[in-house]
Amino acid sequence: MHDKLGELEEKIRMLLTEVSQSRQEKKNLAASVRELEAKLASVKEQLDLERAEKEQLELQLKQRGEEREEIRAKVEGILAEVSRIEANFSELS
């Protein structure tokens, strides 16, 4: 009887040790999950910033393209005017 009681006590100690280890593992896993969630939030924030920057750069690129077309149209207008003036001078000569 004493042997069975000793075996039972040993099994209970082992079980308590396993429970304690499991609790510690659970805490470690929870900490790892929190770390990963924080990293994920940081990466998401960085991604959002980069997307906003990309959108801003695309808008600036579009504006520069529009400005270039405006300048091109003005230069073509000036060149047409210069050609007209040259033609007038040629007729006068």
PDB file of N, CA and C in Angstrom:
ATOM      1  N   MET A   1       0.823  -1.196   0.000  1.00  0.00           N
ATOM      2  CA  MET A   1       0.000   0.000   0.000  1.00  0.00           C
ATOM      3  C   MET A   1       0.865   1.256   0.000  1.00  0.00           C
ATOM      4  N   HIS A   2       1.929   1.188   0.787  1.00  0.00           N
ATOM      5  CA  HIS A   2       2.832   2.338   0.879  1.00  0.00           C
ATOM      6  C   HIS A   2       3.504   2.589  -0.469  1.00  0.00           C
ATOM      7  N   ASP A   3       3.832   1.526  -1.221  1.00  0.00           N
ATOM      8  CA  ASP A   3       4.439   1.668  -2.531  1.00  0.00           C
ATOM      9  C   ASP A   3       3.483   2.330  -3.514  1.00  0.00           C
ATOM     10  N   LYS A   4       2.217   1.925  -3.457  1.00  0.00           N
ATOM     11  CA  LYS A   4       1.225   2.502  -4.365  1.00  0.00           C
ATOM     12  C   LYS A   4       1.013   3.986  -4.049  1.00  0.00           C
ATOM     13  N   LEU A   5       1.040   4.308  -2.766  1.00  0.00           N
ATOM     14  CA  LEU A   5       0.896   5.708  -2.369  1.00  0.00           C
ATOM     15  C   LEU A   5       2.109   6.505  -2.869  1.00  0.00           C
ATOM     16  N   GLY A   6       3.291   5.946  -2.751  1.00  0.00           N
ATOM     17  CA  GLY A   6       4.502   6.607  -3.244  1.00  0.00           C
ATOM     18  C   GLY A   6       4.439   6.793  -4.748  1.00  0.00           C
ATOM     19  N   GLU A   7       3.960   5.779  -5.469  1.00  0.00           N
ATOM     20  CA  GLU A   7       3.815   5.885  -6.931  1.00  0.00           C
ATOM     21  C   GLU A   7       2.826   6.981  -7.303  1.00  0.00           C
ATOM     22  N   LEU A   8       1.738   7.010  -6.560  1.00  0.00           N
ATOM     23  CA  LEU A   8       0.713   8.025  -6.818  1.00  0.00           C
ATOM     24  C   LEU A   8       1.268   9.426  -6.558  1.00  0.00           C
ATOM     25  N   GLU A   9       2.011   9.592  -5.459  1.00  0.00           N
ATOM     26  CA  GLU A   9       2.617  10.888  -5.156  1.00  0.00           C
ATOM     27  C   GLU A   9       3.593  11.297  -6.263  1.00  0.00           C
ATOM     28  N   GLU A  10       4.378  10.328  -6.740  1.00  0.00           N
ATOM     29  CA  GLU A  10       5.325  10.609  -7.820  1.00  0.00           C
ATOM     30  C   GLU A  10       4.589  11.012  -9.092  1.00  0.00           C
ATOM     31  N   LYS A  11       3.529  10.336  -9.420  1.00  0.00           N
ATOM     32  CA  LYS A  11       2.740  10.672 -10.608  1.00  0.00           C
ATOM     33  C   LYS A  11       2.141  12.073 -10.475  1.00  0.00           C
ATOM     34  N   ILE A  12       1.689  12.392  -9.267  1.00  0.00           N
ATOM     35  CA  ILE A  12       1.105  13.721  -9.037  1.00  0.00           C
ATOM     36  C   ILE A  12       2.184  14.789  -9.184  1.00  0.00           C
ATOM     37  N   ARG A  13       3.399  14.551  -8.637  1.00  0.00           N
ATOM     38  CA  ARG A  13       4.501  15.505  -8.784  1.00  0.00           C
ATOM     39  C   ARG A  13       4.846  15.699 -10.260  1.00  0.00           C
ATOM     40  N   MET A  14       4.907  14.603 -10.989  1.00  0.00           N
ATOM     41  CA  MET A  14       5.213  14.693 -12.426  1.00  0.00           C
ATOM     42  C   MET A  14       4.138  15.473 -13.157  1.00  0.00           C
ATOM     43  N   LEU A  15       2.889  15.204 -12.797  1.00  0.00           N
ATOM     44  CA  LEU A  15       1.775  15.909 -13.421  1.00  0.00           C
ATOM     45  C   LEU A  15       1.832  17.401 -13.104  1.00  0.00           C
ATOM     46  N   LEU A  16       2.122  17.726 -11.847  1.00  0.00           N
ATOM     47  CA  LEU A  16       2.230  19.139 -11.464  1.00  0.00           C
ATOM     48  C   LEU A  16       3.387  19.820 -12.188  1.00  0.00           C
ATOM     49  N   THR A  17       4.492  19.093 -12.369  1.00  0.00           N
ATOM     50  CA  THR A  17       5.630  19.633 -13.112  1.00  0.00           C
ATOM     51  C   THR A  17       5.232  19.892 -14.559  1.00  0.00           C
ATOM     52  N   GLU A  18       4.541  18.953 -15.152  1.00  0.00           N
ATOM     53  CA  GLU A  18       4.084  19.118 -16.538  1.00  0.00           C
ATOM     54  C   GLU A  18       3.120  20.298 -16.657  1.00  0.00           C
ATOM     55  N   VAL A  19       2.214  20.437 -15.689  1.00  0.00           N
ATOM     56  CA  VAL A  19       1.272  21.555 -15.701  1.00  0.00           C
ATOM     57  C   VAL A  19       2.034  22.874 -15.592  1.00  0.00           C
ATOM     58  N   SER A  20       3.027  22.909 -14.701  1.00  0.00           N
ATOM     59  CA  SER A  20       3.826  24.119 -14.539  1.00  0.00           C
ATOM     60  C   SER A  20       4.580  24.443 -15.830  1.00  0.00           C
ATOM     61  N   GLN A  21       5.165  23.423 -16.446  1.00  0.00           N
ATOM     62  CA  GLN A  21       5.877  23.631 -17.705  1.00  0.00           C
ATOM     63  C   GLN A  21       4.922  24.098 -18.801  1.00  0.00           C
ATOM     64  N   SER A  22       3.746  23.507 -18.839  1.00  0.00           N
ATOM     65  CA  SER A  22       2.754  23.893 -19.849  1.00  0.00           C
ATOM     66  C   SER A  22       2.335  25.345 -19.666  1.00  0.00           C
ATOM     67  N   ARG A  23       2.164  25.748 -18.415  1.00  0.00           N
ATOM     68  CA  ARG A  23       1.796  27.148 -18.153  1.00  0.00           C
ATOM     69  C   ARG A  23       2.901  28.095 -18.608  1.00  0.00           C
ATOM     70  N   GLN A  24       4.152  27.721 -18.323  1.00  0.00           N
ATOM     71  CA  GLN A  24       5.274  28.556 -18.748  1.00  0.00           C
ATOM     72  C   GLN A  24       5.351  28.611 -20.276  1.00  0.00           C
ATOM     73  N   GLU A  25       5.151  27.486 -20.932  1.00  0.00           N
ATOM     74  CA  GLU A  25       5.148  27.457 -22.395  1.00  0.00           C
ATOM     75  C   GLU A  25       4.028  28.333 -22.946  1.00  0.00           C
ATOM     76  N   LYS A  26       2.877  28.284 -22.296  1.00  0.00           N
ATOM     77  CA  LYS A  26       1.751  29.110 -22.729  1.00  0.00           C
ATOM     78  C   LYS A  26       2.103  30.592 -22.604  1.00  0.00           C
ATOM     79  N   LYS A  27       2.758  30.971 -21.483  1.00  0.00           N
ATOM     80  CA  LYS A  27       3.176  32.367 -21.311  1.00  0.00           C
ATOM     81  C   LYS A  27       4.177  32.761 -22.393  1.00  0.00           C
ATOM     82  N   ASN A  28       5.139  31.854 -22.669  1.00  0.00           N
ATOM     83  CA  ASN A  28       6.141  32.139 -23.696  1.00  0.00           C
ATOM     84  C   ASN A  28       5.490  32.297 -25.068  1.00  0.00           C
ATOM     85  N   LEU A  29       4.556  31.414 -25.372  1.00  0.00           N
ATOM     86  CA  LEU A  29       3.857  31.495 -26.656  1.00  0.00           C
ATOM     87  C   LEU A  29       3.036  32.775 -26.747  1.00  0.00           C
ATOM     88  N   ALA A  30       2.379  33.141 -25.651  1.00  0.00           N
ATOM     89  CA  ALA A  30       1.584  34.373 -25.652  1.00  0.00           C
ATOM     90  C   ALA A  30       2.495  35.579 -25.882  1.00  0.00           C
ATOM     91  N   ALA A  31       3.678  35.566 -25.262  1.00  0.00           N
ATOM     92  CA  ALA A  31       4.625  36.664 -25.465  1.00  0.00           C
ATOM     93  C   ALA A  31       5.093  36.702 -26.918  1.00  0.00           C
ATOM     94  N   SER A  32       5.346  35.530 -27.489  1.00  0.00           N
ATOM     95  CA  SER A  32       5.757  35.469 -28.901  1.00  0.00           C
ATOM     96  C   SER A  32       4.664  35.999 -29.813  1.00  0.00           C
ATOM     97  N   VAL A  33       3.437  35.651 -29.512  1.00  0.00           N
ATOM     98  CA  VAL A  33       2.307  36.129 -30.312  1.00  0.00           C
ATOM     99  C   VAL A  33       2.214  37.650 -30.226  1.00  0.00           C
ATOM    100  N   ARG A  34       2.387  38.184 -29.019  1.00  0.00           N
ATOM    101  CA  ARG A  34       2.337  39.652 -28.862  1.00  0.00           C
ATOM    102  C   ARG A  34       3.467  40.318 -29.655  1.00  0.00           C
ATOM    103  N   GLU A  35       4.657  39.728 -29.612  1.00  0.00           N
ATOM    104  CA  GLU A  35       5.777  40.270 -30.383  1.00  0.00           C
ATOM    105  C   GLU A  35       5.470  40.255 -31.879  1.00  0.00           C
ATOM    106  N   LEU A  36       4.947  39.137 -32.345  1.00  0.00           N
ATOM    107  CA  LEU A  36       4.626  39.030 -33.768  1.00  0.00           C
ATOM    108  C   LEU A  36       3.527  40.006 -34.169  1.00  0.00           C
ATOM    109  N   GLU A  37       2.548  40.175 -33.308  1.00  0.00           N
ATOM    110  CA  GLU A  37       1.477  41.131 -33.597  1.00  0.00           C
ATOM    111  C   GLU A  37       2.040  42.551 -33.663  1.00  0.00           C
ATOM    112  N   ALA A  38       2.971  42.869 -32.766  1.00  0.00           N
ATOM    113  CA  ALA A  38       3.587  44.201 -32.778  1.00  0.00           C
ATOM    114  C   ALA A  38       4.399  44.397 -34.061  1.00  0.00           C
ATOM    115  N   LYS A  39       5.150  43.364 -34.448  1.00  0.00           N
ATOM    116  CA  LYS A  39       5.926  43.452 -35.690  1.00  0.00           C
ATOM    117  C   LYS A  39       4.997  43.603 -36.886  1.00  0.00           C
ATOM    118  N   LEU A  40       3.911  42.849 -36.887  1.00  0.00           N
ATOM    119  CA  LEU A  40       2.944  42.931 -37.981  1.00  0.00           C
ATOM    120  C   LEU A  40       2.345  44.330 -38.062  1.00  0.00           C
ATOM    121  N   ALA A  41       2.008  44.892 -36.921  1.00  0.00           N
ATOM    122  CA  ALA A  41       1.453  46.252 -36.902  1.00  0.00           C
ATOM    123  C   ALA A  41       2.475  47.249 -37.439  1.00  0.00           C
ATOM    124  N   SER A  42       3.733  47.061 -37.068  1.00  0.00           N
ATOM    125  CA  SER A  42       4.796  47.947 -37.545  1.00  0.00           C
ATOM    126  C   SER A  42       4.974  47.826 -39.054  1.00  0.00           C
ATOM    127  N   VAL A  43       4.968  46.596 -39.552  1.00  0.00           N
ATOM    128  CA  VAL A  43       5.112  46.376 -40.990  1.00  0.00           C
ATOM    129  C   VAL A  43       3.912  46.969 -41.730  1.00  0.00           C
ATOM    130  N   LYS A  44       2.718  46.791 -41.176  1.00  0.00           N
ATOM    131  CA  LYS A  44       1.516  47.343 -41.805  1.00  0.00           C
ATOM    132  C   LYS A  44       1.593  48.865 -41.847  1.00  0.00           C
ATOM    133  N   GLU A  45       2.052  49.459 -40.752  1.00  0.00           N
ATOM    134  CA  GLU A  45       2.180  50.921 -40.711  1.00  0.00           C
ATOM    135  C   GLU A  45       3.187  51.397 -41.764  1.00  0.00           C
ATOM    136  N   GLN A  46       4.313  50.703 -41.862  1.00  0.00           N
ATOM    137  CA  GLN A  46       5.321  51.056 -42.854  1.00  0.00           C
ATOM    138  C   GLN A  46       4.762  50.915 -44.264  1.00  0.00           C
ATOM    139  N   LEU A  47       4.023  49.832 -44.490  1.00  0.00           N
ATOM    140  CA  LEU A  47       3.413  49.599 -45.799  1.00  0.00           C
ATOM    141  C   LEU A  47       2.418  50.699 -46.137  1.00  0.00           C
ATOM    142  N   ASP A  48       1.622  51.105 -45.165  1.00  0.00           N
ATOM    143  CA  ASP A  48       0.667  52.192 -45.386  1.00  0.00           C
ATOM    144  C   ASP A  48       1.389  53.493 -45.739  1.00  0.00           C
ATOM    145  N   LEU A  49       2.494  53.759 -45.028  1.00  0.00           N
ATOM    146  CA  LEU A  49       3.276  54.963 -45.327  1.00  0.00           C
ATOM    147  C   LEU A  49       3.851  54.911 -46.737  1.00  0.00           C
ATOM    148  N   GLU A  50       4.363  53.746 -47.115  1.00  0.00           N
ATOM    149  CA  GLU A  50       4.938  53.604 -48.451  1.00  0.00           C
ATOM    150  C   GLU A  50       3.872  53.709 -49.534  1.00  0.00           C
ATOM    151  N   ARG A  51       2.694  53.185 -49.264  1.00  0.00           N
ATOM    152  CA  ARG A  51       1.598  53.321 -50.232  1.00  0.00           C
ATOM    153  C   ARG A  51       1.209  54.784 -50.401  1.00  0.00           C
ATOM    154  N   ALA A  52       1.132  55.500 -49.287  1.00  0.00           N
ATOM    155  CA  ALA A  52       0.786  56.929 -49.353  1.00  0.00           C
ATOM    156  C   ALA A  52       1.859  57.700 -50.118  1.00  0.00           C
ATOM    157  N   GLU A  53       3.111  57.355 -49.861  1.00  0.00           N
ATOM    158  CA  GLU A  53       4.206  58.020 -50.581  1.00  0.00           C
ATOM    159  C   GLU A  53       4.139  57.707 -52.072  1.00  0.00           C
ATOM    160  N   LYS A  54       3.838  56.457 -52.404  1.00  0.00           N
ATOM    161  CA  LYS A  54       3.716  56.066 -53.817  1.00  0.00           C
ATOM    162  C   LYS A  54       2.592  56.844 -54.488  1.00  0.00           C
ATOM    163  N   GLU A  55       1.455  56.955 -53.811  1.00  0.00           N
ATOM    164  CA  GLU A  55       0.331  57.712 -54.372  1.00  0.00           C
ATOM    165  C   GLU A  55       0.725  59.169 -54.591  1.00  0.00           C
ATOM    166  N   GLN A  56       1.452  59.740 -53.631  1.00  0.00           N
ATOM    167  CA  GLN A  56       1.899  61.134 -53.760  1.00  0.00           C
ATOM    168  C   GLN A  56       2.846  61.288 -54.944  1.00  0.00           C
ATOM    169  N   LEU A  57       3.778  60.338 -55.096  1.00  0.00           N
ATOM    170  CA  LEU A  57       4.710  60.400 -56.220  1.00  0.00           C
ATOM    171  C   LEU A  57       3.982  60.238 -57.552  1.00  0.00           C
ATOM    172  N   GLU A  58       2.985  59.350 -57.596  1.00  0.00           N
ATOM    173  CA  GLU A  58       2.214  59.176 -58.830  1.00  0.00           C
ATOM    174  C   GLU A  58       1.460  60.453 -59.171  1.00  0.00           C
ATOM    175  N   LEU A  59       0.914  61.118 -58.178  1.00  0.00           N
ATOM    176  CA  LEU A  59       0.206  62.378 -58.400  1.00  0.00           C
ATOM    177  C   LEU A  59       1.171  63.439 -58.926  1.00  0.00           C
ATOM    178  N   GLN A  60       2.359  63.529 -58.316  1.00  0.00           N
ATOM    179  CA  GLN A  60       3.352  64.489 -58.781  1.00  0.00           C
ATOM    180  C   GLN A  60       3.780  64.182 -60.213  1.00  0.00           C
ATOM    181  N   LEU A  61       3.954  62.913 -60.516  1.00  0.00           N
ATOM    182  CA  LEU A  61       4.333  62.514 -61.874  1.00  0.00           C
ATOM    183  C   LEU A  61       3.261  62.925 -62.876  1.00  0.00           C
ATOM    184  N   LYS A  62       2.007  62.720 -62.510  1.00  0.00           N
ATOM    185  CA  LYS A  62       0.906  63.116 -63.383  1.00  0.00           C
ATOM    186  C   LYS A  62       0.901  64.633 -63.593  1.00  0.00           C
ATOM    187  N   GLN A  63       1.119  65.371 -62.492  1.00  0.00           N
ATOM    188  CA  GLN A  63       1.147  66.837 -62.592  1.00  0.00           C
ATOM    189  C   GLN A  63       2.301  67.303 -63.478  1.00  0.00           C
ATOM    190  N   ARG A  64       3.470  66.669 -63.330  1.00  0.00           N
ATOM    191  CA  ARG A  64       4.619  67.055 -64.171  1.00  0.00           C
ATOM    192  C   ARG A  64       4.336  66.747 -65.637  1.00  0.00           C
ATOM    193  N   GLY A  65       3.664  65.651 -65.889  1.00  0.00           N
ATOM    194  CA  GLY A  65       3.286  65.310 -67.263  1.00  0.00           C
ATOM    195  C   GLY A  65       2.340  66.352 -67.842  1.00  0.00           C
ATOM    196  N   GLU A  66       1.366  66.775 -67.041  1.00  0.00           N
ATOM    197  CA  GLU A  66       0.436  67.804 -67.499  1.00  0.00           C
ATOM    198  C   GLU A  66       1.162  69.125 -67.740  1.00  0.00           C
ATOM    199  N   GLU A  67       2.077  69.479 -66.819  1.00  0.00           N
ATOM    200  CA  GLU A  67       2.850  70.714 -66.990  1.00  0.00           C
ATOM    201  C   GLU A  67       3.695  70.642 -68.259  1.00  0.00           C
ATOM    202  N   ARG A  68       4.290  69.479 -68.506  1.00  0.00           N
ATOM    203  CA  ARG A  68       5.114  69.302 -69.705  1.00  0.00           C
ATOM    204  C   ARG A  68       4.278  69.491 -70.964  1.00  0.00           C
ATOM    205  N   GLU A  69       3.076  68.958 -70.962  1.00  0.00           N
ATOM    206  CA  GLU A  69       2.202  69.106 -72.128  1.00  0.00           C
ATOM    207  C   GLU A  69       1.808  70.561 -72.325  1.00  0.00           C
ATOM    208  N   GLU A  70       1.559  71.270 -71.233  1.00  0.00           N
ATOM    209  CA  GLU A  70       1.236  72.699 -71.338  1.00  0.00           C
ATOM    210  C   GLU A  70       2.411  73.473 -71.935  1.00  0.00           C
ATOM    211  N   ILE A  71       3.600  73.173 -71.438  1.00  0.00           N
ATOM    212  CA  ILE A  71       4.797  73.858 -71.948  1.00  0.00           C
ATOM    213  C   ILE A  71       5.016  73.512 -73.409  1.00  0.00           C
ATOM    214  N   ARG A  72       4.828  72.242 -73.762  1.00  0.00           N
ATOM    215  CA  ARG A  72       4.991  71.821 -75.153  1.00  0.00           C
ATOM    216  C   ARG A  72       4.021  72.594 -76.057  1.00  0.00           C
ATOM    217  N   ALA A  73       2.776  72.730 -75.602  1.00  0.00           N
ATOM    218  CA  ALA A  73       1.780  73.450 -76.398  1.00  0.00           C
ATOM    219  C   ALA A  73       2.177  74.923 -76.557  1.00  0.00           C
ATOM    220  N   LYS A  74       2.686  75.527 -75.479  1.00  0.00           N
ATOM    221  CA  LYS A  74       3.118  76.931 -75.563  1.00  0.00           C
ATOM    222  C   LYS A  74       4.302  77.087 -76.516  1.00  0.00           C
ATOM    223  N   VAL A  75       5.276  76.154 -76.411  1.00  0.00           N
ATOM    224  CA  VAL A  75       6.451  76.223 -77.290  1.00  0.00           C
ATOM    225  C   VAL A  75       6.026  76.053 -78.741  1.00  0.00           C
ATOM    226  N   GLU A  76       5.125  75.106 -78.994  1.00  0.00           N
ATOM    227  CA  GLU A  76       4.638  74.911 -80.366  1.00  0.00           C
ATOM    228  C   GLU A  76       3.926  76.157 -80.863  1.00  0.00           C
ATOM    229  N   GLY A  77       3.177  76.809 -79.979  1.00  0.00           N
ATOM    230  CA  GLY A  77       2.509  78.063 -80.346  1.00  0.00           C
ATOM    231  C   GLY A  77       3.520  79.150 -80.677  1.00  0.00           C
ATOM    232  N   ILE A  78       4.555  79.241 -79.857  1.00  0.00           N
ATOM    233  CA  ILE A  78       5.599  80.248 -80.100  1.00  0.00           C
ATOM    234  C   ILE A  78       6.312  79.960 -81.411  1.00  0.00           C
ATOM    235  N   LEU A  79       6.649  78.679 -81.650  1.00  0.00           N
ATOM    236  CA  LEU A  79       7.317  78.311 -82.898  1.00  0.00           C
ATOM    237  C   LEU A  79       6.437  78.623 -84.115  1.00  0.00           C
ATOM    238  N   ALA A  80       5.147  78.379 -83.994  1.00  0.00           N
ATOM    239  CA  ALA A  80       4.230  78.701 -85.089  1.00  0.00           C
ATOM    240  C   ALA A  80       4.206  80.206 -85.317  1.00  0.00           C
ATOM    241  N   GLU A  81       4.226  80.969 -84.240  1.00  0.00           N
ATOM    242  CA  GLU A  81       4.229  82.435 -84.356  1.00  0.00           C
ATOM    243  C   GLU A  81       5.532  82.913 -85.000  1.00  0.00           C
ATOM    244  N   VAL A  82       6.664  82.308 -84.584  1.00  0.00           N
ATOM    245  CA  VAL A  82       7.955  82.676 -85.181  1.00  0.00           C
ATOM    246  C   VAL A  82       7.944  82.351 -86.670  1.00  0.00           C
ATOM    247  N   SER A  83       7.417  81.203 -87.034  1.00  0.00           N
ATOM    248  CA  SER A  83       7.334  80.830 -88.451  1.00  0.00           C
ATOM    249  C   SER A  83       6.468  81.814 -89.213  1.00  0.00           C
ATOM    250  N   ARG A  84       5.364  82.240 -88.631  1.00  0.00           N
ATOM    251  CA  ARG A  84       4.480  83.214 -89.281  1.00  0.00           C
ATOM    252  C   ARG A  84       5.196  84.545 -89.469  1.00  0.00           C
ATOM    253  N   ILE A  85       5.920  84.969 -88.415  1.00  0.00           N
ATOM    254  CA  ILE A  85       6.652  86.236 -88.507  1.00  0.00           C
ATOM    255  C   ILE A  85       7.741  86.134 -89.580  1.00  0.00           C
ATOM    256  N   GLU A  86       8.460  85.004 -89.614  1.00  0.00           N
ATOM    257  CA  GLU A  86       9.505  84.807 -90.627  1.00  0.00           C
ATOM    258  C   GLU A  86       8.900  84.842 -92.031  1.00  0.00           C
ATOM    259  N   ALA A  87       7.733  84.239 -92.181  1.00  0.00           N
ATOM    260  CA  ALA A  87       7.067  84.232 -93.488  1.00  0.00           C
ATOM    261  C   ALA A  87       6.698  85.655 -93.888  1.00  0.00           C
ATOM    262  N   ASN A  88       6.213  86.457 -92.936  1.00  0.00           N
ATOM    263  CA  ASN A  88       5.886  87.845 -93.208  1.00  0.00           C
ATOM    264  C   ASN A  88       7.123  88.639 -93.637  1.00  0.00           C
ATOM    265  N   PHE A  89       8.243  88.415 -92.941  1.00  0.00           N
ATOM    266  CA  PHE A  89       9.485  89.114 -93.311  1.00  0.00           C
ATOM    267  C   PHE A  89       9.974  88.670 -94.672  1.00  0.00           C
ATOM    268  N   SER A  90       9.802  87.390 -94.973  1.00  0.00           N
ATOM    269  CA  SER A  90      10.236  86.876 -96.294  1.00  0.00           C
ATOM    270  C   SER A  90       9.413  87.536 -97.404  1.00  0.00           C
ATOM    271  N   GLU A  91       8.134  87.760 -97.140  1.00  0.00           N
ATOM    272  CA  GLU A  91       7.269  88.379 -98.147  1.00  0.00           C
ATOM    273  C   GLU A  91       7.640  89.853 -98.337  1.00  0.00           C
ATOM    274  N   LEU A  92       8.116  90.486 -97.277  1.00  0.00           N
ATOM    275  CA  LEU A  92       8.492  91.894 -97.349  1.00  0.00           C
ATOM    276  C   LEU A  92       9.814  92.093 -98.079  1.00  0.00           C
ATOM    277  N   SER A  93      10.658  91.088 -98.074  1.00  0.00           N
ATOM    278  CA  SER A  93      11.986  91.239 -98.694  1.00  0.00           C
ATOM    279  C   SER A  93      11.983  91.111-100.162  1.00  0.00           C
TER     280      SER A  93
END
